[in-house]
C-alpha atoms as a PDB file:
ATOM      1  CA  MET A   1     -84.905 -17.145-192.076  1.00  0.00           C
ATOM      2  CA  LYS A   2     -87.105 -18.263-189.190  1.00  0.00           C
ATOM      3  CA  THR A   3     -85.576 -21.750-189.292  1.00  0.00           C
ATOM      4  CA  ILE A   4     -82.008 -20.304-189.151  1.00  0.00           C
ATOM      5  CA  GLN A   5     -82.983 -17.968-186.286  1.00  0.00           C
ATOM      6  CA  ALA A   6     -84.636 -20.835-184.398  1.00  0.00           C
ATOM      7  CA  THR A   7     -81.520 -23.002-184.846  1.00  0.00           C
ATOM      8  CA  SER A   8     -79.301 -20.154-183.579  1.00  0.00           C
ATOM      9  CA  MET A   9     -81.469 -19.694-180.497  1.00  0.00           C
ATOM     10  CA  VAL A  10     -81.252 -23.407-179.738  1.00  0.00           C
ATOM     11  CA  LEU A  11     -77.473 -23.347-180.064  1.00  0.00           C
ATOM     12  CA  ILE A  12     -77.210 -20.318-177.759  1.00  0.00           C
ATOM     13  CA  PHE A  13     -79.488 -21.988-175.193  1.00  0.00           C
ATOM     14  CA  LEU A  14     -77.391 -25.170-175.233  1.00  0.00           C
ATOM     15  CA  ALA A  15     -74.198 -23.175-174.819  1.00  0.00           C
ATOM     16  CA  VAL A  16     -75.546 -21.304-171.834  1.00  0.00           C
ATOM     17  CA  MET A  17     -76.811 -24.514-170.212  1.00  0.00           C
ATOM     18  CA  LEU A  18     -73.450 -26.222-170.771  1.00  0.00           C
ATOM     19  CA  GLY A  19     -71.660 -23.231-169.206  1.00  0.00           C
ATOM     20  CA  CYS A  20     -73.980 -23.355-166.181  1.00  0.00           C
ATOM     21  CA  LYS A  21     -73.423 -27.076-165.792  1.00  0.00           C
ATOM     22  CA  GLN A  22     -69.637 -26.609-165.911  1.00  0.00           C
ATOM     23  CA  LYS A  23     -69.794 -23.827-163.328  1.00  0.00           C
ATOM     24  CA  SER A  24     -72.055 -25.965-161.149  1.00  0.00           C
ATOM     25  CA  GLY A  25     -69.622 -28.879-161.455  1.00  0.00           C
ATOM     26  CA  GLU A  26     -66.684 -26.602-160.659  1.00  0.00           C
ATOM     27  CA  SER A  27     -68.572 -25.211-157.675  1.00  0.00           C
ATOM     28  CA  GLN A  28     -69.368 -28.749-156.377  1.00  0.00           C
ATOM     29  CA  GLU A  29     -65.792 -29.845-156.917  1.00  0.00           C
ATOM     30  CA  SER A  30     -64.539 -26.712-155.119  1.00  0.00           C
ATOM     31  CA  GLY A  31     -66.946 -27.391-152.267  1.00  0.00           C
ATOM     32  CA  LYS A  32     -65.773 -31.000-152.121  1.00  0.00           C
ATOM     33  CA  LYS A  33     -62.119 -29.910-151.975  1.00  0.00           C
ATOM     34  CA  SER A  34     -62.947 -27.343-149.296  1.00  0.00           C
ATOM     35  CA  SER A  35     -64.733 -30.010-147.268  1.00  0.00           C
ATOM     36  CA  GLU A  36     -61.836 -32.417-147.672  1.00  0.00           C
ATOM     37  CA  SER A  37     -59.308 -29.818-146.643  1.00  0.00           C
ATOM     38  CA  SER A  38     -61.266 -29.071-143.507  1.00  0.00           C
ATOM     39  CA  LYS A  39     -61.030 -32.607-142.214  1.00  0.00           C
ATOM     40  CA  PRO A  40     -59.554 -32.678-138.692  1.00  0.00           C
ATOM     41  CA  GLU A  41     -55.967 -33.795-138.454  1.00  0.00           C
ATOM     42  CA  LEU A  42     -53.219 -34.174-135.891  1.00  0.00           C
ATOM     43  CA  VAL A  43     -49.824 -32.679-136.582  1.00  0.00           C
ATOM     44  CA  SER A  44     -46.900 -34.114-134.634  1.00  0.00           C
ATOM     45  CA  GLN A  45     -45.075 -31.533-132.427  1.00  0.00           C
ATOM     46  CA  TRP A  46     -42.616 -33.449-130.245  1.00  0.00           C
ATOM     47  CA  SER A  47     -41.888 -36.759-128.517  1.00  0.00           C
ATOM     48  CA  THR A  48     -39.868 -37.465-125.393  1.00  0.00           C
ATOM     49  CA  ASP A  49     -37.066 -40.020-125.438  1.00  0.00           C
ATOM     50  CA  THR A  50     -37.957 -43.496-124.181  1.00  0.00           C
ATOM     51  CA  VAL A  51     -37.177 -42.489-120.597  1.00  0.00           C
ATOM     52  CA  MET A  52     -40.740 -43.041-119.234  1.00  0.00           C
ATOM     53  CA  ARG A  53     -41.591 -46.325-117.604  1.00  0.00           C
ATOM     54  CA  THR A  54     -44.960 -47.596-118.818  1.00  0.00           C
ATOM     55  CA  PRO A  55     -46.589 -44.144-118.911  1.00  0.00           C
ATOM     56  CA  GLU A  56     -50.314 -44.615-118.511  1.00  0.00           C
ATOM     57  CA  SER A  57     -51.737 -41.093-118.150  1.00  0.00           C
ATOM     58  CA  VAL A  58     -50.895 -37.463-118.900  1.00  0.00           C
ATOM     59  CA  CYS A  59     -52.446 -34.525-117.050  1.00  0.00           C
ATOM     60  CA  TYR A  60     -51.908 -30.904-118.161  1.00  0.00           C
ATOM     61  CA  ASN A  61     -51.911 -28.286-115.462  1.00  0.00           C
ATOM     62  CA  PRO A  62     -52.473 -24.826-117.021  1.00  0.00           C
ATOM     63  CA  ASP A  63     -51.742 -23.042-113.753  1.00  0.00           C
ATOM     64  CA  GLY A  64     -48.186 -24.261-113.614  1.00  0.00           C
ATOM     65  CA  GLN A  65     -47.725 -24.813-117.348  1.00  0.00           C
ATOM     66  CA  VAL A  66     -46.638 -28.354-116.677  1.00  0.00           C
ATOM     67  CA  LEU A  67     -47.524 -31.919-117.633  1.00  0.00           C
ATOM     68  CA  TYR A  68     -47.729 -34.722-115.138  1.00  0.00           C
ATOM     69  CA  VAL A  69     -47.122 -38.283-116.316  1.00  0.00           C
ATOM     70  CA  SER A  70     -48.046 -41.389-114.289  1.00  0.00           C
ATOM     71  CA  ASN A  71     -45.547 -44.220-114.741  1.00  0.00           C
ATOM     72  CA  ILE A  72     -46.599 -47.723-113.741  1.00  0.00           C
ATOM     73  CA  GLN A  73     -43.128 -49.258-114.250  1.00  0.00           C
ATOM     74  CA  GLY A  74     -44.131 -52.586-112.705  1.00  0.00           C
ATOM     75  CA  GLU A  75     -47.367 -54.510-113.282  1.00  0.00           C
ATOM     76  CA  SER A  76     -50.677 -52.691-113.667  1.00  0.00           C
ATOM     77  CA  ASP A  77     -52.321 -54.339-110.641  1.00  0.00           C
ATOM     78  CA  LYS A  78     -49.434 -55.011-108.296  1.00  0.00           C
ATOM     79  CA  LYS A  79     -48.614 -53.227-105.031  1.00  0.00           C
ATOM     80  CA  ASP A  80     -44.877 -53.098-105.671  1.00  0.00           C
ATOM     81  CA  GLY A  81     -43.991 -49.460-104.872  1.00  0.00           C
ATOM     82  CA  LYS A  82     -42.338 -48.984-108.287  1.00  0.00           C
ATOM     83  CA  GLY A  83     -44.755 -46.372-109.656  1.00  0.00           C
ATOM     84  CA  PHE A  84     -43.888 -42.675-109.922  1.00  0.00           C
ATOM     85  CA  ILE A  85     -45.010 -39.339-111.394  1.00  0.00           C
ATOM     86  CA  SER A  86     -42.918 -37.352-113.877  1.00  0.00           C
ATOM     87  CA  LYS A  87     -43.035 -33.641-114.724  1.00  0.00           C
ATOM     88  CA  LEU A  88     -42.660 -32.343-118.284  1.00  0.00           C
ATOM     89  CA  SER A  89     -42.793 -28.912-119.832  1.00  0.00           C
ATOM     90  CA  PRO A  90     -45.470 -28.313-122.546  1.00  0.00           C
ATOM     91  CA  GLN A  91     -42.527 -28.407-124.988  1.00  0.00           C
ATOM     92  CA  GLY A  92     -41.592 -31.975-123.993  1.00  0.00           C
ATOM     93  CA  GLU A  93     -38.621 -31.224-121.702  1.00  0.00           C
ATOM     94  CA  VAL A  94     -38.322 -33.654-118.806  1.00  0.00           C
ATOM     95  CA  LEU A  95     -38.282 -31.402-115.751  1.00  0.00           C
ATOM     96  CA  ALA A  96     -38.220 -34.242-113.196  1.00  0.00           C
ATOM     97  CA  LEU A  97     -38.356 -37.872-114.213  1.00  0.00           C
ATOM     98  CA  LYS A  98     -39.196 -39.114-110.680  1.00  0.00           C
ATOM     99  CA  TRP A  99     -40.918 -36.094-109.257  1.00  0.00           C
ATOM    100  CA  VAL A 100     -43.086 -38.154-106.849  1.00  0.00           C
ATOM    101  CA  THR A 101     -42.316 -41.762-105.927  1.00  0.00           C
ATOM    102  CA  GLY A 102     -43.819 -44.286-103.505  1.00  0.00           C
ATOM    103  CA  LEU A 103     -46.745 -45.318-105.725  1.00  0.00           C
ATOM    104  CA  ASP A 104     -47.696 -48.754-107.046  1.00  0.00           C
ATOM    105  CA  ALA A 105     -49.433 -48.583-110.415  1.00  0.00           C
ATOM    106  CA  PRO A 106     -50.547 -44.938-110.817  1.00  0.00           C
ATOM    107  CA  LYS A 107     -52.947 -44.262-113.659  1.00  0.00           C
ATOM    108  CA  GLY A 108     -55.535 -41.458-114.064  1.00  0.00           C
ATOM    109  CA  MET A 109     -54.871 -38.001-112.676  1.00  0.00           C
ATOM    110  CA  GLY A 110     -56.742 -34.719-112.025  1.00  0.00           C
ATOM    111  CA  VAL A 111     -55.805 -31.310-110.569  1.00  0.00           C
ATOM    112  CA  TYR A 112     -57.725 -29.125-108.173  1.00  0.00           C
ATOM    113  CA  GLN A 113     -56.491 -26.169-106.091  1.00  0.00           C
ATOM    114  CA  GLY A 114     -52.878 -27.123-105.774  1.00  0.00           C
ATOM    115  CA  LYS A 115     -53.532 -30.860-105.414  1.00  0.00           C
ATOM    116  CA  LEU A 116     -52.881 -33.654-107.864  1.00  0.00           C
ATOM    117  CA  TYR A 117     -55.145 -36.669-107.453  1.00  0.00           C
ATOM    118  CA  VAL A 118     -53.983 -40.051-108.767  1.00  0.00           C
ATOM    119  CA  THR A 119     -55.598 -43.512-108.839  1.00  0.00           C
ATOM    120  CA  ASN A 120     -53.354 -46.206-107.380  1.00  0.00           C
ATOM    121  CA  ILE A 121     -55.017 -49.646-107.818  1.00  0.00           C
ATOM    122  CA  ASP A 122     -57.372 -49.501-104.794  1.00  0.00           C
ATOM    123  CA  GLU A 123     -56.997 -45.938-103.596  1.00  0.00           C
ATOM    124  CA  ILE A 124     -56.905 -42.285-104.591  1.00  0.00           C
ATOM    125  CA  VAL A 125     -53.629 -40.572-103.699  1.00  0.00           C
ATOM    126  CA  GLU A 126     -53.475 -36.841-103.004  1.00  0.00           C
ATOM    127  CA  ILE A 127     -50.205 -35.021-103.873  1.00  0.00           C
ATOM    128  CA  ASP A 128     -49.375 -31.497-102.777  1.00  0.00           C
ATOM    129  CA  ILE A 129     -48.077 -29.897-105.985  1.00  0.00           C
ATOM    130  CA  ASP A 130     -45.935 -27.198-104.349  1.00  0.00           C
ATOM    131  CA  GLN A 131     -44.244 -29.700-102.039  1.00  0.00           C
ATOM    132  CA  GLY A 132     -44.120 -32.588-104.560  1.00  0.00           C
ATOM    133  CA  LYS A 133     -45.204 -34.942-101.767  1.00  0.00           C
ATOM    134  CA  ILE A 134     -48.001 -37.390-101.041  1.00  0.00           C
ATOM    135  CA  THR A 135     -50.238 -35.841 -98.391  1.00  0.00           C
ATOM    136  CA  GLN A 136     -53.221 -38.223 -98.261  1.00  0.00           C
ATOM    137  CA  ARG A 137     -54.307 -41.673 -99.298  1.00  0.00           C
ATOM    138  CA  TYR A 138     -58.022 -42.435 -99.619  1.00  0.00           C
ATOM    139  CA  ALA A 139     -59.018 -46.103 -99.818  1.00  0.00           C
ATOM    140  CA  CYS A 140     -61.720 -46.990-102.348  1.00  0.00           C
ATOM    141  CA  PRO A 141     -64.105 -49.671-100.962  1.00  0.00           C
ATOM    142  CA  ASP A 142     -63.654 -53.053-102.699  1.00  0.00           C
ATOM    143  CA  ALA A 143     -61.653 -51.466-105.513  1.00  0.00           C
ATOM    144  CA  ARG A 144     -59.837 -53.806-107.873  1.00  0.00           C
ATOM    145  CA  PHE A 145     -58.464 -51.645-110.700  1.00  0.00           C
ATOM    146  CA  ALA A 146     -58.986 -47.935-110.105  1.00  0.00           C
ATOM    147  CA  ASN A 147     -58.260 -46.259-113.416  1.00  0.00           C
ATOM    148  CA  ASP A 148     -59.228 -42.787-114.610  1.00  0.00           C
ATOM    149  CA  ILE A 149     -59.918 -39.633-112.588  1.00  0.00           C
ATOM    150  CA  ALA A 150     -61.875 -36.460-113.295  1.00  0.00           C
ATOM    151  CA  VAL A 151     -62.474 -33.500-110.961  1.00  0.00           C
ATOM    152  CA  ASN A 152     -65.452 -31.177-111.317  1.00  0.00           C
ATOM    153  CA  GLN A 153     -65.675 -27.451-110.610  1.00  0.00           C
ATOM    154  CA  ASP A 154     -66.481 -27.854-106.904  1.00  0.00           C
ATOM    155  CA  GLY A 155     -63.514 -30.197-106.309  1.00  0.00           C
ATOM    156  CA  THR A 156     -65.383 -33.484-106.226  1.00  0.00           C
ATOM    157  CA  VAL A 157     -63.107 -36.221-107.474  1.00  0.00           C
ATOM    158  CA  PHE A 158     -64.522 -39.151-109.515  1.00  0.00           C
ATOM    159  CA  ALA A 159     -62.573 -42.330-110.168  1.00  0.00           C
ATOM    160  CA  SER A 160     -63.473 -45.297-112.382  1.00  0.00           C
ATOM    161  CA  ASP A 161     -62.802 -48.947-111.619  1.00  0.00           C
ATOM    162  CA  MET A 162     -63.031 -50.968-114.796  1.00  0.00           C
ATOM    163  CA  ALA A 163     -62.676 -54.342-113.024  1.00  0.00           C
ATOM    164  CA  ALA A 164     -65.293 -53.689-110.313  1.00  0.00           C
ATOM    165  CA  ASN A 165     -67.610 -51.751-112.654  1.00  0.00           C
ATOM    166  CA  LYS A 166     -67.844 -48.867-110.214  1.00  0.00           C
ATOM    167  CA  ILE A 167     -67.441 -45.112-110.074  1.00  0.00           C
ATOM    168  CA  TYR A 168     -66.035 -43.773-106.821  1.00  0.00           C
ATOM    169  CA  ARG A 169     -66.514 -40.235-105.456  1.00  0.00           C
ATOM    170  CA  LEU A 170     -64.116 -38.409-103.176  1.00  0.00           C
ATOM    171  CA  LYS A 171     -65.869 -35.521-101.475  1.00  0.00           C
ATOM    172  CA  ASN A 172     -65.172 -33.755 -98.200  1.00  0.00           C
ATOM    173  CA  GLY A 173     -62.375 -36.187 -97.401  1.00  0.00           C
ATOM    174  CA  GLN A 174     -64.554 -39.320 -97.825  1.00  0.00           C
ATOM    175  CA  VAL A 175     -64.788 -41.886-100.585  1.00  0.00           C
ATOM    176  CA  ASP A 176     -67.995 -43.647-101.454  1.00  0.00           C
ATOM    177  CA  VAL A 177     -69.345 -45.760-104.300  1.00  0.00           C
ATOM    178  CA  TRP A 178     -71.216 -43.213-106.401  1.00  0.00           C
ATOM    179  CA  LEU A 179     -72.388 -45.525-109.176  1.00  0.00           C
ATOM    180  CA  GLU A 180     -72.201 -49.245-109.858  1.00  0.00           C
ATOM    181  CA  GLY A 181     -73.758 -52.051-111.840  1.00  0.00           C
ATOM    182  CA  ASP A 182     -75.589 -51.862-115.194  1.00  0.00           C
ATOM    183  CA  PRO A 183     -75.104 -50.200-117.559  1.00  0.00           C
ATOM    184  CA  LEU A 184     -71.505 -49.727-116.434  1.00  0.00           C
ATOM    185  CA  LYS A 185     -69.307 -52.127-118.351  1.00  0.00           C
ATOM    186  CA  SER A 186     -65.624 -51.690-117.828  1.00  0.00           C
ATOM    187  CA  PRO A 187     -65.884 -47.935-117.126  1.00  0.00           C
ATOM    188  CA  ASN A 188     -62.651 -46.114-117.820  1.00  0.00           C
ATOM    189  CA  GLY A 189     -62.264 -42.641-119.322  1.00  0.00           C
ATOM    190  CA  LEU A 190     -64.042 -39.865-117.363  1.00  0.00           C
ATOM    191  CA  TYR A 191     -64.729 -36.229-118.140  1.00  0.00           C
ATOM    192  CA  THR A 192     -66.549 -33.586-116.023  1.00  0.00           C
ATOM    193  CA  THR A 193     -68.785 -30.870-117.434  1.00  0.00           C
ATOM    194  CA  VAL A 194     -70.585 -28.159-115.433  1.00  0.00           C
ATOM    195  CA  ASP A 195     -73.389 -30.471-114.367  1.00  0.00           C
ATOM    196  CA  MET A 196     -72.589 -33.935-115.754  1.00  0.00           C
ATOM    197  CA  LEU A 197     -70.040 -36.727-115.405  1.00  0.00           C
ATOM    198  CA  MET A 198     -69.207 -38.338-118.765  1.00  0.00           C
ATOM    199  CA  ILE A 199     -68.243 -42.004-118.469  1.00  0.00           C
ATOM    200  CA  GLY A 200     -66.550 -43.980-121.221  1.00  0.00           C
ATOM    201  CA  ILE A 201     -67.578 -47.643-121.211  1.00  0.00           C
ATOM    202  CA  GLU A 202     -67.151 -50.348-123.809  1.00  0.00           C
ATOM    203  CA  GLY A 203     -68.481 -48.813-127.063  1.00  0.00           C
ATOM    204  CA  ALA A 204     -70.255 -45.758-125.665  1.00  0.00           C
ATOM    205  CA  VAL A 205     -70.192 -42.598-123.547  1.00  0.00           C
ATOM    206  CA  LEU A 206     -72.745 -42.265-120.777  1.00  0.00           C
ATOM    207  CA  LYS A 207     -73.726 -39.073-118.928  1.00  0.00           C
ATOM    208  CA  VAL A 208     -74.898 -38.789-115.319  1.00  0.00           C
ATOM    209  CA  PRO A 209     -76.019 -35.658-113.423  1.00  0.00           C
ATOM    210  CA  TYR A 210     -73.972 -34.902-110.298  1.00  0.00           C
ATOM    211  CA  GLN A 211     -77.140 -34.789-108.182  1.00  0.00           C
ATOM    212  CA  GLY A 212     -77.796 -38.413-109.084  1.00  0.00           C
ATOM    213  CA  GLY A 213     -79.967 -40.349-111.493  1.00  0.00           C
ATOM    214  CA  GLU A 214     -79.688 -43.142-114.006  1.00  0.00           C
ATOM    215  CA  PRO A 215     -76.888 -43.020-116.546  1.00  0.00           C
ATOM    216  CA  GLU A 216     -78.102 -41.948-120.002  1.00  0.00           C
ATOM    217  CA  PRO A 217     -76.544 -42.793-123.370  1.00  0.00           C
ATOM    218  CA  HIS A 218     -74.746 -39.803-124.854  1.00  0.00           C
ATOM    219  CA  ILE A 219     -72.537 -41.106-127.685  1.00  0.00           C
ATOM    220  CA  ASP A 220     -72.844 -44.555-129.245  1.00  0.00           C
ATOM    221  CA  ASN A 221     -70.539 -46.646-131.423  1.00  0.00           C
ATOM    222  CA  THR A 222     -67.363 -45.192-130.005  1.00  0.00           C
ATOM    223  CA  GLY A 223     -65.270 -48.322-129.809  1.00  0.00           C
ATOM    224  CA  GLY A 224     -63.025 -48.798-126.779  1.00  0.00           C
ATOM    225  CA  ILE A 225     -62.362 -45.729-124.535  1.00  0.00           C
ATOM    226  CA  ASP A 226     -59.282 -45.183-122.396  1.00  0.00           C
ATOM    227  CA  GLY A 227     -58.875 -41.400-122.285  1.00  0.00           C
ATOM    228  CA  LEU A 228     -61.829 -39.050-122.810  1.00  0.00           C
ATOM    229  CA  GLU A 229     -61.528 -35.283-123.213  1.00  0.00           C
ATOM    230  CA  ALA A 230     -63.604 -32.415-124.605  1.00  0.00           C
ATOM    231  CA  VAL A 231     -62.504 -30.517-127.699  1.00  0.00           C
ATOM    232  CA  LYS A 232     -65.354 -28.049-128.238  1.00  0.00           C
ATOM    233  CA  LYS A 233     -69.169 -28.086-127.980  1.00  0.00           C
ATOM    234  CA  ASN A 234     -70.358 -31.672-128.391  1.00  0.00           C
ATOM    235  CA  TYR A 235     -67.009 -32.818-129.783  1.00  0.00           C
ATOM    236  CA  TYR A 236     -64.870 -35.134-127.679  1.00  0.00           C
ATOM    237  CA  ILE A 237     -61.562 -36.827-128.325  1.00  0.00           C
ATOM    238  CA  LYS A 238     -60.896 -40.337-127.103  1.00  0.00           C
ATOM    239  CA  SER A 239     -58.117 -42.936-127.181  1.00  0.00           C
ATOM    240  CA  ASP A 240     -58.512 -46.746-127.043  1.00  0.00           C
ATOM    241  CA  TRP A 241     -55.104 -47.838-125.632  1.00  0.00           C
ATOM    242  CA  ALA A 242     -54.355 -49.967-128.688  1.00  0.00           C
ATOM    243  CA  GLY A 243     -53.212 -46.868-130.593  1.00  0.00           C
ATOM    244  CA  HIS A 244     -56.343 -45.264-132.074  1.00  0.00           C
ATOM    245  CA  VAL A 245     -57.518 -41.737-131.360  1.00  0.00           C
ATOM    246  CA  HIS A 246     -60.955 -40.605-132.586  1.00  0.00           C
ATOM    247  CA  LEU A 247     -63.073 -37.460-132.604  1.00  0.00           C
ATOM    248  CA  ILE A 248     -66.590 -38.350-131.443  1.00  0.00           C
ATOM    249  CA  HIS A 249     -69.862 -36.465-131.487  1.00  0.00           C
ATOM    250  CA  PRO A 250     -73.395 -37.448-130.385  1.00  0.00           C
ATOM    251  CA  GLU A 251     -74.846 -36.994-133.886  1.00  0.00           C
ATOM    252  CA  LYS A 252     -71.929 -37.893-136.157  1.00  0.00           C
ATOM    253  CA  PRO A 253     -69.815 -40.989-136.947  1.00  0.00           C
ATOM    254  CA  LYS A 254     -66.515 -41.207-135.107  1.00  0.00           C
ATOM    255  CA  GLN A 255     -63.482 -39.902-137.063  1.00  0.00           C
ATOM    256  CA  LEU A 256     -60.102 -41.591-136.817  1.00  0.00           C
ATOM    257  CA  ILE A 257     -57.402 -38.937-136.479  1.00  0.00           C
ATOM    258  CA  LEU A 258     -54.476 -40.990-135.209  1.00  0.00           C
ATOM    259  CA  ASP A 259     -53.505 -44.627-135.671  1.00  0.00           C
ATOM    260  CA  THR A 260     -50.184 -45.786-134.265  1.00  0.00           C
ATOM    261  CA  THR A 261     -51.064 -49.499-134.221  1.00  0.00           C
ATOM    262  CA  PRO A 262     -48.892 -50.314-137.260  1.00  0.00           C
ATOM    263  CA  ASP A 263     -45.892 -49.213-135.152  1.00  0.00           C
ATOM    264  CA  ASN A 264     -47.099 -51.089-132.057  1.00  0.00           C
ATOM    265  CA  ILE A 265     -47.430 -47.792-130.176  1.00  0.00           C
ATOM    266  CA  ASN A 266     -50.221 -47.526-127.600  1.00  0.00           C
ATOM    267  CA  ALA A 267     -52.424 -44.490-126.917  1.00  0.00           C
ATOM    268  CA  ALA A 268     -53.367 -44.703-123.240  1.00  0.00           C
ATOM    269  CA  ASP A 269     -55.028 -42.015-121.041  1.00  0.00           C
ATOM    270  CA  ILE A 270     -54.646 -38.837-123.130  1.00  0.00           C
ATOM    271  CA  ASP A 271     -55.092 -35.219-122.133  1.00  0.00           C
ATOM    272  CA  PHE A 272     -56.152 -32.299-124.318  1.00  0.00           C
ATOM    273  CA  ASP A 273     -55.366 -28.593-123.916  1.00  0.00           C
ATOM    274  CA  SER A 274     -58.360 -26.997-125.685  1.00  0.00           C
ATOM    275  CA  GLU A 275     -56.933 -23.478-125.435  1.00  0.00           C
ATOM    276  CA  ASN A 276     -53.865 -24.411-127.503  1.00  0.00           C
ATOM    277  CA  MET A 277     -55.479 -27.401-129.296  1.00  0.00           C
ATOM    278  CA  MET A 278     -52.715 -29.707-128.056  1.00  0.00           C
ATOM    279  CA  LEU A 279     -53.136 -33.441-127.566  1.00  0.00           C
ATOM    280  CA  TYR A 280     -50.774 -35.328-125.225  1.00  0.00           C
ATOM    281  CA  VAL A 281     -50.511 -39.093-125.674  1.00  0.00           C
ATOM    282  CA  PRO A 282     -48.789 -41.519-123.245  1.00  0.00           C
ATOM    283  CA  THR A 283     -47.552 -44.481-125.219  1.00  0.00           C
ATOM    284  CA  PHE A 284     -47.535 -47.129-122.414  1.00  0.00           C
ATOM    285  CA  HIS A 285     -45.203 -49.941-123.595  1.00  0.00           C
ATOM    286  CA  ASP A 286     -43.410 -47.563-125.951  1.00  0.00           C
ATOM    287  CA  ASN A 287     -42.213 -45.488-122.923  1.00  0.00           C
ATOM    288  CA  ARG A 288     -42.749 -42.047-124.410  1.00  0.00           C
ATOM    289  CA  VAL A 289     -45.121 -39.106-124.362  1.00  0.00           C
ATOM    290  CA  MET A 290     -46.053 -37.625-127.725  1.00  0.00           C
ATOM    291  CA  ALA A 291     -47.661 -34.259-128.481  1.00  0.00           C
ATOM    292  CA  TYR A 292     -49.837 -33.324-131.447  1.00  0.00           C
ATOM    293  CA  LYS A 293     -51.554 -30.114-132.633  1.00  0.00           C
ATOM    294  CA  LEU A 294     -55.204 -30.666-133.558  1.00  0.00           C
ATOM    295  CA  LYS A 295     -56.342 -28.756-136.644  1.00  0.00           C
ATOM    296  CA  MET A 296     -60.031 -28.710-137.398  1.00  0.00           C
END
């Protein structure tokens, strides 16, 4: 009798353990599926027709519910007067293809108190938004390829020059060289926080306090950076012109969320509307602007 009882107890114990193992496996599998389903993704919303002319940058203005698009049209470093700015609705409707003309190779843009600031090879151009007219041109000393723009909360305008390895600052109507030399290497995408300027260089993001100081590494192993925008705390989204868009974080590997390289579609200087989680991508040689909803 004792032997039979002991055998029964062993069988019951094994059955319980097997059940626990199956539940544990099911729980792990469920957790894995949940983790996989929570991966960030971009969902296509709309695309303009190919009416743009080498669109390099998109800038969303929440005040006017409008998108500005800089069109190079000619060559990226030539003073040919062919460049212009377009206006789009957030739904992709072209409101004015040639809203502002008289530019050369406009690239990065930023908005502050009714003004749109645009890089234009060797200068920063100020456009009055209500009038749709150029009101000021600010020369950047020894500039060669002024590229991105970011404006902080007090209205200071920062512009990158990836050829001269400089960051320019427009403040109180004057432009000066705010930062230059090492470790700047082809600085391009810029983003302003409350107290720091984020600078995208080759393979990394640097951060520099507005009051001055040495640039500090913030995010490594990013790959190339054209556009740089914030998504949420410590998460940024960046493009690399070739057609890749990644989510990046100081403590996590970069995550590829868009790759249009198989279709030979570029991803130039993006903009991101964090309130509506909308990404706007200028496609450069493809002559369109594309919009995506970020889910994460």
